[in-house]
Each structure stands twice: as structure tokens, then as C-alpha cells.
Amino acid sequence: FYPLKPEDGINRRWCIIASKSGYAPETVKVDVVTNVLLGTEHNEYDALIIQKCAQYGVPPPIVKAQIWRESGFNPNGYAYEPYTFDYVAISIGAEWREGNPAIDEYPYYEYSIAIPSGWPNGPRLQGRLLNPEDIDFRNRYNLSDNSPPDGVLSAQELVWNNPGQGSSWHYADFPIVPFVAQTTIAASYGLLQIWWATALSPMNWNRGAAGRPSELMDPPVNIALSSGYLRLRLGQFMAVHPDSGWDASIRTALVWYNKGRRPCTACPDYTHEDGDYDERVIAEVWRCMPSQ
């Protein structure tokens, strides 16, 4: 069993007695050991994973299995979200707070890419808290020969030059006027591919002020925000379904984690989502079981 704190240096044995009205009590003895590794691969983040999972109350093997699926342990993992985030919420705002694009709101405009005149939601200056390192993420994609060097690039141009990046894009929905790809704030980052806006809300990153997108590449920041977000989703489901079994609860939390910051007010009973994200994570748990 993994320790509550990997640095405590103490072996413990717990005796847990669980009881429920109408049932005989059950007693379980649990050994808590130190110097635990989560499997035999990519152990460089194990202590950090265990620490943050203990803080938020989620199983470390689940979070490490998520890293296998989300980034393959690449702390610099990055994905621009052209449709599910930029088009829907940031640049066009068709479904965002009755049509008001997030780019007009604080702190989004502090981290947005400049928009020249003639573009939707423009003109506007580059967000004052960005630096070249944040904008450089767009250069991970294949760009056309005439792409400007100043960070301005249409979402349409980026997707058409990178077909795999548009898997979630409804091509028929491209607006008549191309919009600037906000490759800073409309993107997922790091080991656990957390959206910048999810880190902002509901995770209240830096007390609601957020931070520079490239900061989400820092493993301690990324793992803390992401494991906390998984716990939030787990708690939302369990509050509505307190008698639900653990399997359904953690699978639902994984499904809703993958859906990003979309509302989970109804918290429906667990069902497989398209793509089976929960199955793909659970399939990696065997790699991440504690060992000494």
C-alpha cells in the first residue's frame, strides 16, 4: 500500500473496522510502507504523484496511469484545442456565457495572442503577461510557408496544415471569417494535459489570476492542479450518488476529467463515453501498482 506521505520514513499498520447497519463489522489490516515506487517505469515523478494524491485523496496509480495515456511522461506535452475550446469558448464564444467570448474577460485577455484589425474580436494587443516562450507553442505544428512570424495564425490555417489536430473540429462549422488561433489559452499542457482554463476555473490557479501557459509544463504545478481536478470530479459524482460503487465513481471521475471544464451539475450515472477514456486509463494501472 502506498504511504500517505512518501517522506515520512515510518512503516505503519492500520486496523480498519467498517460497519453498516444490518451487516456484521468487517476488519481489514493495512500495512503502510515507505520508499514505494509506482511500478518499475518512469519513477522520477512517483514521490510527487504520491504527495499530491495524498493531499487531494485520489489513488496514485490512477493518476500515474493517466500520465501514461495523456502525455507518455512528456512534461512538455502540448495540444491546441481548435474546436472544443477555442471556437466554442475563446475566440467565437458561441456557447460561452450567452455568446460572450472568454477572450474579452479577465484574466484571459492577459494571456491572449494579439489580434490585428479585421479579425473577429479584434483588434487587440498581445496579452501583457505573455512572453515569446508562451507563443512558441504554436511552432510545434507544421505551418504554411506564408505564416507570419509575429504569432498571428488562423485556426483554419493551423488545422488544415495539421489534419490530425482537427480530429475534434467540425469542418463544416468553420466561420466565414477565420479567427486568430489562441494557441496559448486554448490549449492543454504538460504531463496530465490540463487545459489552461481548467487550471483557472474551477481549480482557482493562483487565486483566480491563472499564470503563464508555459508554467503548466512544470511537473509540480501540473500534477497538483490535475490531481486536484480529478478529485473535484470524483467528489461531484459521489455527492449525487453516495451509494455508487468505487469502480463506477472513479470511472465517472475519469470521464468527466477528460471532458474538461464542461459542467457536471447533473453528474449522470456512469456510462462509457465515446473513446473509452476511462478504459484506456484503467488499462495502464497494472504498470503503476506500488512496489518496493
Protein backbone atom coordinates (compact mmCIF):
# COMPACT_ATOMS: atom_id res chain seq x y z
CA PHE A 1 0.00 0.00 0.00
CA TYR A 2 1.38 3.43 -0.85
CA PRO A 3 2.25 5.77 2.06
CA LEU A 4 0.22 8.83 2.85
CA LYS A 5 3.43 10.83 2.72
CA PRO A 6 6.40 9.32 0.90
CA GLU A 7 8.93 11.16 3.07
CA ASP A 8 7.55 10.19 6.49
CA GLY A 9 10.12 7.39 6.94
CA ILE A 10 7.82 5.29 9.10
CA ASN A 11 6.21 1.93 8.50
CA ARG A 12 2.66 1.78 9.83
CA ARG A 13 -0.07 -0.81 10.19
CA TRP A 14 -3.65 0.33 10.18
CA CYS A 15 -6.56 -1.69 11.53
CA ILE A 16 -9.78 -0.52 9.90
CA ILE A 17 -13.18 -1.67 11.12
CA ALA A 18 -16.04 -0.88 8.75
CA SER A 19 -19.64 -1.35 9.74
CA LYS A 20 -23.05 -0.74 8.23
CA SER A 21 -26.45 -1.13 9.82
CA GLY A 22 -27.72 -4.65 9.39
CA TYR A 23 -24.32 -6.10 8.48
CA ALA A 24 -21.57 -7.68 10.54
CA PRO A 25 -18.46 -5.49 11.01
CA GLU A 26 -15.51 -6.17 8.72
CA THR A 27 -11.91 -5.76 9.89
CA VAL A 28 -9.07 -5.05 7.48
CA LYS A 29 -5.38 -4.68 8.34
CA VAL A 30 -3.40 -2.43 6.04
CA ASP A 31 0.39 -2.14 6.02
CA VAL A 32 1.62 1.32 5.07
CA VAL A 33 5.21 1.20 3.89
CA THR A 34 7.74 3.79 2.83
CA ASN A 35 10.03 4.12 -0.19
CA VAL A 36 7.32 2.89 -2.51
CA LEU A 37 7.58 3.05 -6.28
CA LEU A 38 4.58 3.14 -8.58
CA GLY A 39 5.64 0.34 -10.87
CA THR A 40 9.09 -0.01 -12.41
CA GLU A 41 8.99 2.64 -15.15
CA HIS A 42 9.13 6.44 -15.12
CA ASN A 43 9.70 6.58 -11.38
CA GLU A 44 11.08 10.12 -11.47
CA TYR A 45 7.65 11.55 -10.67
CA ASP A 46 6.45 8.90 -8.19
CA ALA A 47 7.15 10.82 -4.97
CA LEU A 48 5.44 13.91 -6.38
CA ILE A 49 2.42 11.90 -7.57
CA ILE A 50 2.05 10.21 -4.18
CA GLN A 51 2.38 13.50 -2.33
CA LYS A 52 -0.27 15.31 -4.38
CA CYS A 53 -2.64 12.35 -4.46
CA ALA A 54 -2.41 12.08 -0.68
CA GLN A 55 -3.20 15.80 -0.45
CA TYR A 56 -6.32 15.50 -2.60
CA GLY A 57 -7.44 11.95 -1.83
CA VAL A 58 -7.13 10.13 -5.16
CA PRO A 59 -5.24 6.87 -5.90
CA PRO A 60 -1.67 7.47 -7.13
CA PRO A 61 -1.78 4.50 -9.57
CA ILE A 62 -4.78 6.10 -11.30
CA VAL A 63 -3.04 9.44 -11.74
CA LYS A 64 0.15 7.82 -12.98
CA ALA A 65 -1.90 5.73 -15.41
CA GLN A 66 -3.43 8.98 -16.66
CA ILE A 67 0.06 10.32 -17.38
CA TRP A 68 0.75 7.21 -19.48
CA ARG A 69 -2.32 8.00 -21.58
CA GLU A 70 -2.18 11.79 -21.64
CA SER A 71 1.45 12.53 -22.43
CA GLY A 72 3.55 9.37 -22.21
CA PHE A 73 5.52 11.16 -19.44
CA ASN A 74 6.45 14.10 -21.62
CA PRO A 75 6.36 17.14 -19.28
CA ASN A 76 6.37 19.37 -22.38
CA GLY A 77 3.26 17.76 -23.89
CA TYR A 78 1.05 20.33 -25.63
CA ALA A 79 -2.15 20.28 -27.69
CA TYR A 80 -4.03 23.23 -29.15
CA GLU A 81 -7.81 22.68 -28.91
CA PRO A 82 -9.22 24.34 -32.05
CA TYR A 83 -12.87 23.38 -31.78
CA THR A 84 -13.71 22.11 -28.31
CA PHE A 85 -12.20 25.15 -26.67
CA ASP A 86 -11.05 27.96 -28.95
CA TYR A 87 -14.05 28.03 -31.29
CA VAL A 88 -16.66 27.20 -28.65
CA ALA A 89 -15.46 29.44 -25.84
CA ILE A 90 -12.44 31.63 -26.50
CA SER A 91 -12.45 33.32 -29.90
CA ILE A 92 -16.04 32.98 -31.13
CA GLY A 93 -17.91 32.26 -27.92
CA ALA A 94 -20.94 30.55 -29.46
CA GLU A 95 -21.69 28.66 -26.25
CA TRP A 96 -19.84 30.75 -23.68
CA ARG A 97 -21.91 32.78 -21.23
CA GLU A 98 -24.65 33.68 -23.69
CA GLY A 99 -22.27 34.37 -26.54
CA ASN A 100 -19.63 36.49 -24.79
CA PRO A 101 -16.22 35.15 -25.80
CA ALA A 102 -13.87 34.42 -22.94
CA ILE A 103 -11.12 36.42 -24.62
CA ASP A 104 -12.93 39.57 -23.51
CA GLU A 105 -12.74 38.57 -19.84
CA TYR A 106 -10.08 38.77 -17.15
CA PRO A 107 -7.63 37.07 -16.92
CA TYR A 108 -7.98 35.58 -20.43
CA TYR A 109 -7.02 38.80 -22.19
CA GLU A 110 -3.82 38.97 -20.14
CA TYR A 111 -2.54 35.80 -21.86
CA SER A 112 -4.06 36.08 -25.36
CA ILE A 113 -2.24 36.40 -28.68
CA ALA A 114 -2.53 39.72 -30.49
CA ILE A 115 -5.39 40.15 -32.97
CA PRO A 116 -4.95 42.56 -35.92
CA SER A 117 -7.80 44.67 -37.23
CA GLY A 118 -10.22 42.83 -39.50
CA TRP A 119 -10.34 39.67 -37.37
CA PRO A 120 -13.18 38.62 -35.03
CA ASN A 121 -12.81 40.04 -31.52
CA GLY A 122 -10.04 42.37 -32.70
CA PRO A 123 -8.04 44.42 -32.86
CA ARG A 124 -6.25 43.92 -29.58
CA LEU A 125 -2.72 43.92 -28.28
CA GLN A 126 -0.87 40.84 -27.12
CA GLY A 127 -1.66 39.93 -23.53
CA ARG A 128 0.72 41.85 -21.32
CA LEU A 129 1.68 38.75 -19.27
CA LEU A 130 2.73 36.60 -22.24
CA ASN A 131 6.31 36.16 -23.39
CA PRO A 132 7.83 34.56 -26.53
CA GLU A 133 8.13 31.18 -24.77
CA ASP A 134 4.34 31.02 -24.46
CA ILE A 135 3.70 31.94 -28.10
CA ASP A 136 6.32 29.47 -29.34
CA PHE A 137 3.99 26.54 -28.65
CA ARG A 138 2.27 27.21 -31.98
CA ASN A 139 5.56 26.44 -33.73
CA ARG A 140 5.24 22.79 -32.74
CA TYR A 141 2.81 22.42 -35.62
CA ASN A 142 3.52 22.41 -39.33
CA LEU A 143 2.76 25.89 -40.56
CA SER A 144 2.32 27.15 -44.09
CA ASP A 145 5.17 28.92 -45.86
CA ASN A 146 3.48 32.31 -45.54
CA SER A 147 2.68 32.03 -41.84
CA PRO A 148 3.61 35.31 -40.14
CA PRO A 149 6.40 35.29 -37.57
CA ASP A 150 4.56 37.50 -35.08
CA GLY A 151 2.38 34.80 -33.52
CA VAL A 152 -0.75 35.56 -35.55
CA LEU A 153 -2.15 32.45 -37.25
CA SER A 154 -5.70 31.49 -38.13
CA ALA A 155 -7.20 28.40 -36.54
CA GLN A 156 -8.24 27.28 -40.00
CA GLU A 157 -4.69 27.51 -41.34
CA LEU A 158 -3.27 25.60 -38.40
CA VAL A 159 -5.84 22.79 -38.64
CA TRP A 160 -5.62 22.42 -42.41
CA ASN A 161 -1.84 22.11 -42.20
CA ASN A 162 -2.15 19.58 -39.34
CA PRO A 163 -5.10 17.27 -40.14
CA GLY A 164 -4.61 15.16 -37.01
CA GLN A 165 -5.01 18.24 -34.85
CA GLY A 166 -8.52 18.77 -36.19
CA SER A 167 -9.98 15.46 -35.02
CA SER A 168 -12.49 17.29 -32.83
CA TRP A 169 -13.17 20.00 -35.37
CA HIS A 170 -16.47 20.17 -37.22
CA TYR A 171 -15.07 21.22 -40.57
CA ALA A 172 -18.44 22.41 -41.82
CA ASP A 173 -18.53 24.84 -38.90
CA PHE A 174 -15.50 26.90 -39.88
CA PRO A 175 -16.63 30.51 -39.68
CA ILE A 176 -16.61 32.56 -42.88
CA VAL A 177 -14.06 34.92 -41.34
CA PRO A 178 -11.04 32.98 -39.96
CA PHE A 179 -10.17 33.76 -36.37
CA VAL A 180 -6.76 34.01 -34.73
CA ALA A 181 -5.73 30.71 -33.15
CA GLN A 182 -5.31 31.41 -29.44
CA THR A 183 -2.65 28.75 -29.09
CA THR A 184 -1.82 29.99 -25.61
CA ILE A 185 -5.09 29.95 -23.66
CA ALA A 186 -6.99 27.41 -25.83
CA ALA A 187 -4.63 24.52 -25.19
CA SER A 188 -3.78 21.59 -22.93
CA TYR A 189 -0.40 21.33 -21.24
CA GLY A 190 2.06 19.04 -19.53
CA LEU A 191 2.11 15.56 -18.06
CA LEU A 192 -1.64 15.40 -17.49
CA GLN A 193 -2.74 17.67 -20.35
CA ILE A 194 -4.74 20.06 -18.22
CA TRP A 195 -6.48 22.90 -20.03
CA TRP A 196 -5.24 26.35 -19.15
CA ALA A 197 -8.83 27.45 -18.45
CA THR A 198 -9.48 24.41 -16.23
CA ALA A 199 -6.48 25.39 -14.14
CA LEU A 200 -8.01 28.85 -13.89
CA SER A 201 -11.53 27.65 -13.09
CA PRO A 202 -12.59 25.61 -11.25
CA MET A 203 -9.07 24.99 -9.85
CA ASN A 204 -8.55 28.67 -8.95
CA TRP A 205 -4.92 28.66 -10.06
CA ASN A 206 -3.05 31.49 -8.35
CA ARG A 207 -6.30 32.55 -6.65
CA GLY A 208 -8.06 33.12 -9.96
CA ALA A 209 -5.29 35.10 -11.63
CA ALA A 210 -4.05 31.99 -13.53
CA GLY A 211 -0.48 32.07 -14.84
CA ARG A 212 1.60 31.99 -17.97
CA PRO A 213 0.68 28.93 -20.08
CA SER A 214 4.24 27.59 -20.12
CA GLU A 215 4.15 27.33 -16.31
CA LEU A 216 1.80 24.35 -16.71
CA MET A 217 4.77 22.40 -18.06
CA ASP A 218 6.26 22.41 -14.55
CA PRO A 219 5.53 18.89 -13.14
CA PRO A 220 4.71 20.02 -9.57
CA VAL A 221 2.25 22.61 -10.86
CA ASN A 222 0.74 20.25 -13.42
CA ILE A 223 0.35 17.24 -11.12
CA ALA A 224 -1.08 19.34 -8.28
CA LEU A 225 -3.72 21.03 -10.44
CA SER A 226 -4.62 17.85 -12.34
CA SER A 227 -4.91 15.50 -9.36
CA GLY A 228 -6.95 18.16 -7.58
CA TYR A 229 -9.23 18.39 -10.59
CA LEU A 230 -9.72 14.60 -10.68
CA ARG A 231 -10.68 14.75 -7.00
CA LEU A 232 -13.15 17.55 -7.72
CA ARG A 233 -14.86 15.47 -10.40
CA LEU A 234 -14.90 12.42 -8.11
CA GLY A 235 -16.47 14.44 -5.33
CA GLN A 236 -19.12 15.87 -7.64
CA PHE A 237 -20.28 12.41 -8.63
CA MET A 238 -20.13 10.90 -5.15
CA ALA A 239 -22.13 13.80 -3.70
CA VAL A 240 -25.01 12.95 -6.04
CA HIS A 241 -24.53 9.16 -5.92
CA PRO A 242 -23.21 8.37 -2.41
CA ASP A 243 -24.11 4.67 -2.74
CA SER A 244 -22.36 4.22 -6.07
CA GLY A 245 -19.56 1.65 -6.09
CA TRP A 246 -15.93 2.70 -6.29
CA ASP A 247 -15.47 1.41 -9.84
CA ALA A 248 -18.33 3.48 -11.23
CA SER A 249 -17.25 6.51 -9.19
CA ILE A 250 -13.62 6.62 -10.30
CA ARG A 251 -14.53 5.80 -13.91
CA THR A 252 -17.06 8.63 -13.96
CA ALA A 253 -14.46 10.98 -12.49
CA LEU A 254 -12.05 10.00 -15.28
CA VAL A 255 -14.70 10.53 -17.94
CA TRP A 256 -15.53 13.98 -16.61
CA TYR A 257 -11.85 14.85 -16.22
CA ASN A 258 -11.44 14.14 -19.93
CA LYS A 259 -14.40 16.35 -20.78
CA GLY A 260 -12.52 19.32 -19.37
CA ARG A 261 -14.30 22.17 -17.64
CA ARG A 262 -17.74 21.42 -19.07
CA PRO A 263 -20.45 21.47 -16.36
CA CYS A 264 -21.12 18.31 -14.38
CA THR A 265 -24.11 19.57 -12.40
CA ALA A 266 -26.29 16.56 -13.20
CA CYS A 267 -23.49 14.02 -12.72
CA PRO A 268 -25.26 11.16 -14.56
CA ASP A 269 -24.69 7.55 -13.64
CA TYR A 270 -21.54 6.10 -15.13
CA THR A 271 -21.64 5.17 -18.80
CA HIS A 272 -18.80 4.64 -21.25
CA GLU A 273 -18.08 7.73 -23.25
CA ASP A 274 -17.04 7.76 -26.87
CA GLY A 275 -13.36 6.90 -27.00
CA ASP A 276 -13.43 4.96 -23.72
CA TYR A 277 -11.02 7.27 -21.92
CA ASP A 278 -11.64 5.52 -18.61
CA GLU A 279 -10.89 2.13 -20.14
CA ARG A 280 -7.65 3.39 -21.64
CA VAL A 281 -6.53 4.77 -18.27
CA ILE A 282 -7.55 1.67 -16.29
CA ALA A 283 -5.67 -0.48 -18.82
CA GLU A 284 -2.42 1.22 -17.71
CA VAL A 285 -2.94 0.81 -13.94
CA TRP A 286 -1.10 -2.51 -13.88
CA ARG A 287 2.09 -0.61 -14.79
CA CYS A 288 1.63 1.67 -11.80
CA MET A 289 0.93 -0.64 -8.88
CA PRO A 290 3.03 0.06 -5.77
CA SER A 291 6.18 -1.94 -5.19
CA GLN A 292 9.34 -1.65 -3.09
